[in-house]
Amino acid sequence: MLREYDALKRYRLFAGYTQKSFAAKLDMKLGTYQSKEQGRIGFSDFEKMEVKKIISQYIPDITIDDIFFSPLVQKKYIKEA
């Protein structure tokens, strides 16, 4: 089953970051980042933009939707729109 931020974890690992190093890059405590990546706490819009900025160094055409919304959520939204 896909969780909300599974894509974020995959992109973070692809870019070569640990949770600790990614949290530091975002100027965030490790525990806070872990809670956000696991979906217990949401990312602010600013944080989403910062995550995109970091990941786009490795995947230039990445979008916030690619990172933060699973294909299942995107599919449901498109159906309802």
Protein backbone atom coordinates (compact mmCIF):
# COMPACT_ATOMS: atom_id res chain seq x y z
CA MET A 1 0.00 0.00 0.00
CA LEU A 2 1.34 3.41 -0.92
CA ARG A 3 1.63 5.97 1.84
CA GLU A 4 1.35 9.67 1.23
CA TYR A 5 5.08 10.43 1.29
CA ASP A 6 6.56 7.20 -0.12
CA ALA A 7 7.61 9.12 -3.23
CA LEU A 8 9.46 11.66 -1.09
CA LYS A 9 11.47 8.88 0.53
CA ARG A 10 12.33 7.36 -2.86
CA TYR A 11 13.45 10.72 -4.27
CA ARG A 12 15.47 11.49 -1.12
CA LEU A 13 17.28 8.16 -1.37
CA PHE A 14 17.81 8.60 -5.12
CA ALA A 15 19.48 11.95 -4.42
CA GLY A 16 21.79 10.24 -1.91
CA TYR A 17 20.46 11.76 1.29
CA THR A 18 19.83 10.08 4.62
CA GLN A 19 16.97 11.40 6.72
CA LYS A 20 19.56 13.11 8.90
CA SER A 21 21.36 14.84 6.03
CA PHE A 22 18.09 15.86 4.34
CA ALA A 23 16.75 17.26 7.62
CA ALA A 24 19.97 19.28 8.01
CA LYS A 25 19.63 20.57 4.43
CA LEU A 26 16.11 21.76 5.33
CA ASP A 27 17.35 23.22 8.65
CA MET A 28 14.99 20.89 10.52
CA LYS A 29 15.44 18.59 13.49
CA LEU A 30 15.76 14.93 12.54
CA GLY A 31 12.72 13.87 14.58
CA THR A 32 10.59 16.55 12.94
CA TYR A 33 11.71 15.49 9.48
CA GLN A 34 11.03 11.82 10.27
CA SER A 35 7.51 12.68 11.41
CA LYS A 36 6.91 14.66 8.24
CA GLU A 37 8.29 11.98 5.91
CA GLN A 38 6.13 9.37 7.65
CA GLY A 39 3.04 11.56 7.19
CA ARG A 40 2.35 12.21 10.87
CA ILE A 41 2.97 15.94 10.41
CA GLY A 42 2.36 17.83 7.20
CA PHE A 43 4.93 19.86 5.28
CA SER A 44 4.27 23.58 4.97
CA ASP A 45 4.08 25.02 1.47
CA PHE A 46 7.47 26.67 2.02
CA GLU A 47 9.00 23.34 3.08
CA LYS A 48 7.54 21.65 -0.01
CA MET A 49 9.18 24.30 -2.19
CA GLU A 50 12.51 23.75 -0.42
CA VAL A 51 12.26 19.98 -0.89
CA LYS A 52 11.52 20.50 -4.58
CA LYS A 53 14.51 22.82 -4.89
CA ILE A 54 16.82 20.18 -3.41
CA ILE A 55 15.45 17.26 -5.43
CA SER A 56 15.37 19.27 -8.67
CA GLN A 57 19.18 19.44 -8.53
CA TYR A 58 19.07 15.71 -9.33
CA ILE A 59 15.81 15.52 -11.32
CA PRO A 60 15.40 18.90 -13.06
CA ASP A 61 11.81 18.45 -14.26
CA ILE A 62 10.40 17.17 -10.94
CA THR A 63 7.20 18.79 -9.67
CA ILE A 64 5.82 19.21 -6.17
CA ASP A 65 2.97 16.91 -7.21
CA ASP A 66 5.50 14.20 -8.16
CA ILE A 67 7.07 14.41 -4.72
CA PHE A 68 4.10 14.90 -2.43
CA PHE A 69 1.08 13.32 -4.10
CA SER A 70 0.85 9.63 -4.87
CA PRO A 71 -0.41 8.56 -8.30
CA LEU A 72 -3.54 7.22 -6.58
CA VAL A 73 -4.34 10.64 -5.14
CA GLN A 74 -3.60 12.33 -8.46
CA LYS A 75 -5.83 9.86 -10.31
CA LYS A 76 -8.72 10.42 -7.88
CA TYR A 77 -8.38 14.20 -8.12
CA ILE A 78 -8.39 14.11 -11.92
CA LYS A 79 -11.51 11.90 -11.92
CA GLU A 80 -13.38 14.27 -9.60
CA ALA A 81 -12.35 17.47 -11.39
